[in-house]
Each structure stands twice: as structure tokens, then as C-alpha cells.
Amino acid sequence: MLKSVLAATAAVAMLSIAACSQGPNEEAGEAADTAHEQSTTGTTDMGQGPQEEAGEALDQATQGTPSGETTTPPATGS
């Protein structure tokens, strides 16, 4: 019984970690928000700021592709 409870707890913990992963655009937005908060107030609020929200929306729209990158290679001239 104890083994099954521990296994279930471990499985839920792994799923919650995977669900909370941030995409590259969201991470960049979080860094921008943190830098802005630090420079203006001297403190860091761990809440989600506007740049992080915009990065999250961009990650959802681009399926996690970092902004500025494309899924197809650039055309080469011959």
C-alpha cells in the first residue's frame, strides 16, 4: 500500500514539474520583468509580469519556438 502511494505521489510530482515548464520567450519575459522591477523598486516580485505574460502567449502561438527563429532554414542563393 505504501509503495503504491509513494509511486502515485512521485508520478503526480513529475507531471506538475513538466506542466510548469516555461518556453524560451516566457523565460526572456520573466527576466525582463525581474530586471525592470529590480531597477525601479529595488525588489523582485515573484508574480507574473506583463513581459512574462506576453512571452507565454508567444510560446503558445509558436509552439515554443524562440522568437526570431524559424522552423524552416533560410533560403540560400545560388
N, C-alpha and C. Protein backbone atom coordinates (compact mmCIF):
# COMPACT_ATOMS: atom_id res chain seq x y z
N MET A 1 0.83 -1.20 0.00
CA MET A 1 0.00 0.00 0.00
C MET A 1 0.87 1.26 0.00
N LEU A 2 1.89 1.25 0.85
CA LEU A 2 2.76 2.41 0.94
C LEU A 2 3.53 2.64 -0.36
N LYS A 3 3.94 1.56 -1.00
CA LYS A 3 4.67 1.69 -2.26
C LYS A 3 3.79 2.30 -3.34
N SER A 4 2.53 1.91 -3.39
CA SER A 4 1.65 2.47 -4.42
C SER A 4 1.36 3.95 -4.16
N VAL A 5 1.25 4.34 -2.91
CA VAL A 5 1.02 5.75 -2.57
C VAL A 5 2.26 6.57 -2.95
N LEU A 6 3.44 6.05 -2.63
CA LEU A 6 4.67 6.76 -2.99
C LEU A 6 4.84 6.85 -4.50
N ALA A 7 4.51 5.81 -5.22
CA ALA A 7 4.61 5.82 -6.67
C ALA A 7 3.65 6.83 -7.28
N ALA A 8 2.44 6.87 -6.76
CA ALA A 8 1.44 7.83 -7.26
C ALA A 8 1.88 9.26 -6.96
N THR A 9 2.43 9.49 -5.78
CA THR A 9 2.90 10.83 -5.42
C THR A 9 4.05 11.25 -6.33
N ALA A 10 4.96 10.33 -6.59
CA ALA A 10 6.08 10.65 -7.47
C ALA A 10 5.60 10.96 -8.89
N ALA A 11 4.61 10.22 -9.37
CA ALA A 11 4.08 10.45 -10.71
C ALA A 11 3.41 11.82 -10.80
N VAL A 12 2.65 12.18 -9.80
CA VAL A 12 1.98 13.49 -9.79
C VAL A 12 3.02 14.60 -9.72
N ALA A 13 4.07 14.42 -8.93
CA ALA A 13 5.11 15.43 -8.83
C ALA A 13 5.81 15.63 -10.17
N MET A 14 6.09 14.56 -10.88
CA MET A 14 6.75 14.68 -12.19
C MET A 14 5.84 15.38 -13.20
N LEU A 15 4.56 15.08 -13.16
CA LEU A 15 3.62 15.74 -14.08
C LEU A 15 3.51 17.23 -13.79
N SER A 16 3.51 17.59 -12.52
CA SER A 16 3.39 19.00 -12.18
C SER A 16 4.64 19.77 -12.59
N ILE A 17 5.80 19.13 -12.51
CA ILE A 17 7.03 19.79 -12.95
C ILE A 17 7.01 19.98 -14.46
N ALA A 18 6.58 18.97 -15.18
CA ALA A 18 6.52 19.07 -16.65
C ALA A 18 5.51 20.11 -17.10
N ALA A 19 4.40 20.23 -16.39
CA ALA A 19 3.36 21.17 -16.77
C ALA A 19 3.79 22.61 -16.51
N CYS A 20 4.71 22.83 -15.61
CA CYS A 20 5.12 24.18 -15.25
C CYS A 20 6.34 24.68 -16.01
N SER A 21 6.81 23.92 -16.98
CA SER A 21 8.00 24.36 -17.69
C SER A 21 7.67 25.59 -18.54
N GLN A 22 8.63 26.47 -18.62
CA GLN A 22 8.46 27.70 -19.38
C GLN A 22 9.16 27.59 -20.71
N GLY A 23 8.56 28.22 -21.70
CA GLY A 23 9.20 28.28 -23.00
C GLY A 23 10.25 29.37 -23.02
N PRO A 24 11.03 29.44 -24.07
CA PRO A 24 12.12 30.42 -24.13
C PRO A 24 11.64 31.87 -24.13
N ASN A 25 10.52 32.14 -24.76
CA ASN A 25 10.01 33.51 -24.80
C ASN A 25 9.48 33.93 -23.43
N GLU A 26 8.84 33.00 -22.73
CA GLU A 26 8.34 33.31 -21.39
C GLU A 26 9.50 33.54 -20.43
N GLU A 27 10.57 32.75 -20.56
CA GLU A 27 11.74 32.94 -19.70
C GLU A 27 12.37 34.31 -19.95
N ALA A 28 12.45 34.72 -21.21
CA ALA A 28 13.01 36.03 -21.54
C ALA A 28 12.13 37.14 -20.97
N GLY A 29 10.82 36.96 -21.06
CA GLY A 29 9.90 37.95 -20.48
C GLY A 29 10.04 38.05 -18.98
N GLU A 30 10.21 36.91 -18.33
CA GLU A 30 10.38 36.91 -16.88
C GLU A 30 11.67 37.64 -16.49
N ALA A 31 12.73 37.41 -17.25
CA ALA A 31 14.00 38.09 -16.98
C ALA A 31 13.85 39.60 -17.16
N ALA A 32 13.10 40.01 -18.19
CA ALA A 32 12.88 41.44 -18.42
C ALA A 32 12.06 42.06 -17.29
N ASP A 33 11.02 41.35 -16.85
CA ASP A 33 10.21 41.85 -15.74
C ASP A 33 11.03 41.97 -14.47
N THR A 34 11.85 40.97 -14.20
CA THR A 34 12.67 40.98 -12.99
C THR A 34 13.67 42.13 -13.03
N ALA A 35 14.32 42.34 -14.17
CA ALA A 35 15.28 43.44 -14.29
C ALA A 35 14.59 44.79 -14.11
N HIS A 36 13.40 44.94 -14.66
CA HIS A 36 12.66 46.20 -14.52
C HIS A 36 12.28 46.43 -13.07
N GLU A 37 11.76 45.40 -12.41
CA GLU A 37 11.36 45.54 -11.01
C GLU A 37 12.56 45.88 -10.13
N GLN A 38 13.67 45.21 -10.38
CA GLN A 38 14.87 45.44 -9.58
C GLN A 38 15.39 46.87 -9.77
N SER A 39 15.32 47.38 -10.99
CA SER A 39 15.85 48.72 -11.25
C SER A 39 14.92 49.83 -10.76
N THR A 40 13.62 49.57 -10.74
CA THR A 40 12.69 50.63 -10.33
C THR A 40 12.34 50.59 -8.86
N THR A 41 12.20 49.40 -8.28
CA THR A 41 11.77 49.31 -6.88
C THR A 41 12.85 48.77 -5.96
N GLY A 42 13.88 48.14 -6.51
CA GLY A 42 14.92 47.55 -5.69
C GLY A 42 14.55 46.18 -5.15
N THR A 43 13.37 45.71 -5.49
CA THR A 43 12.93 44.39 -5.04
C THR A 43 12.46 43.60 -6.25
N THR A 44 12.22 42.32 -6.02
CA THR A 44 11.74 41.46 -7.09
C THR A 44 10.45 40.81 -6.66
N ASP A 45 9.37 41.04 -7.41
CA ASP A 45 8.08 40.40 -7.17
C ASP A 45 8.05 39.11 -7.97
N MET A 46 7.81 38.00 -7.31
CA MET A 46 7.83 36.71 -8.00
C MET A 46 6.55 36.44 -8.78
N GLY A 47 5.62 37.38 -8.81
CA GLY A 47 4.40 37.22 -9.60
C GLY A 47 4.69 37.36 -11.08
N GLN A 48 3.71 37.04 -11.89
CA GLN A 48 3.88 37.09 -13.33
C GLN A 48 3.65 38.51 -13.82
N GLY A 49 4.66 39.06 -14.50
CA GLY A 49 4.59 40.42 -15.01
C GLY A 49 4.10 40.45 -16.45
N PRO A 50 3.94 41.66 -17.00
CA PRO A 50 3.40 41.80 -18.36
C PRO A 50 4.29 41.20 -19.45
N GLN A 51 5.61 41.31 -19.31
CA GLN A 51 6.50 40.75 -20.34
C GLN A 51 6.47 39.23 -20.30
N GLU A 52 6.38 38.67 -19.09
CA GLU A 52 6.30 37.21 -18.97
C GLU A 52 5.00 36.70 -19.56
N GLU A 53 3.90 37.41 -19.34
CA GLU A 53 2.62 37.02 -19.92
C GLU A 53 2.67 37.08 -21.44
N ALA A 54 3.30 38.13 -21.98
CA ALA A 54 3.42 38.24 -23.43
C ALA A 54 4.28 37.11 -23.99
N GLY A 55 5.35 36.77 -23.29
CA GLY A 55 6.20 35.66 -23.72
C GLY A 55 5.47 34.33 -23.68
N GLU A 56 4.63 34.15 -22.66
CA GLU A 56 3.84 32.91 -22.57
C GLU A 56 2.87 32.82 -23.74
N ALA A 57 2.23 33.92 -24.07
CA ALA A 57 1.30 33.92 -25.21
C ALA A 57 2.04 33.63 -26.51
N LEU A 58 3.24 34.19 -26.65
CA LEU A 58 4.04 33.95 -27.85
C LEU A 58 4.48 32.49 -27.92
N ASP A 59 4.86 31.91 -26.78
CA ASP A 59 5.23 30.50 -26.76
C ASP A 59 4.06 29.62 -27.19
N GLN A 60 2.87 29.96 -26.73
CA GLN A 60 1.69 29.17 -27.12
C GLN A 60 1.40 29.32 -28.60
N ALA A 61 1.58 30.52 -29.14
CA ALA A 61 1.29 30.75 -30.55
C ALA A 61 2.32 30.11 -31.47
N THR A 62 3.57 29.99 -30.99
CA THR A 62 4.63 29.45 -31.83
C THR A 62 5.07 28.05 -31.41
N GLN A 63 4.30 27.41 -30.57
CA GLN A 63 4.61 26.07 -30.05
C GLN A 63 6.01 26.02 -29.43
N GLY A 64 6.42 27.09 -28.75
CA GLY A 64 7.67 27.11 -28.01
C GLY A 64 8.90 27.46 -28.81
N THR A 65 8.76 27.85 -30.08
CA THR A 65 9.91 28.26 -30.87
C THR A 65 10.34 29.64 -30.39
N PRO A 66 11.62 29.82 -30.06
CA PRO A 66 12.07 31.15 -29.61
C PRO A 66 11.80 32.20 -30.67
N SER A 67 11.46 33.41 -30.25
CA SER A 67 11.18 34.46 -31.22
C SER A 67 12.44 34.76 -32.02
N GLY A 68 12.25 35.02 -33.30
CA GLY A 68 13.36 35.27 -34.19
C GLY A 68 13.87 34.03 -34.90
N GLU A 69 13.41 32.85 -34.46
CA GLU A 69 13.82 31.62 -35.11
C GLU A 69 12.69 31.11 -35.99
N THR A 70 13.04 30.43 -37.03
CA THR A 70 12.03 29.85 -37.91
C THR A 70 12.17 28.34 -37.89
N THR A 71 11.14 27.66 -38.32
CA THR A 71 11.19 26.20 -38.35
C THR A 71 11.77 25.70 -39.66
N THR A 72 11.89 26.59 -40.64
CA THR A 72 12.48 26.20 -41.93
C THR A 72 13.80 26.94 -42.09
N PRO A 73 14.78 26.32 -42.70
CA PRO A 73 16.07 27.01 -42.87
C PRO A 73 15.92 28.15 -43.89
N PRO A 74 16.75 29.18 -43.74
CA PRO A 74 16.66 30.29 -44.71
C PRO A 74 17.09 29.85 -46.10
N ALA A 75 16.53 30.49 -47.09
CA ALA A 75 16.86 30.17 -48.47
C ALA A 75 18.29 30.61 -48.77
N THR A 76 18.99 29.78 -49.51
CA THR A 76 20.36 30.13 -49.89
C THR A 76 20.38 30.51 -51.36
N GLY A 77 21.13 31.53 -51.66
CA GLY A 77 21.23 31.97 -53.05
C GLY A 77 22.24 31.13 -53.82
N SER A 78 21.97 30.86 -55.09
CA SER A 78 22.94 30.12 -55.87
C SER A 78 23.38 30.89 -57.08
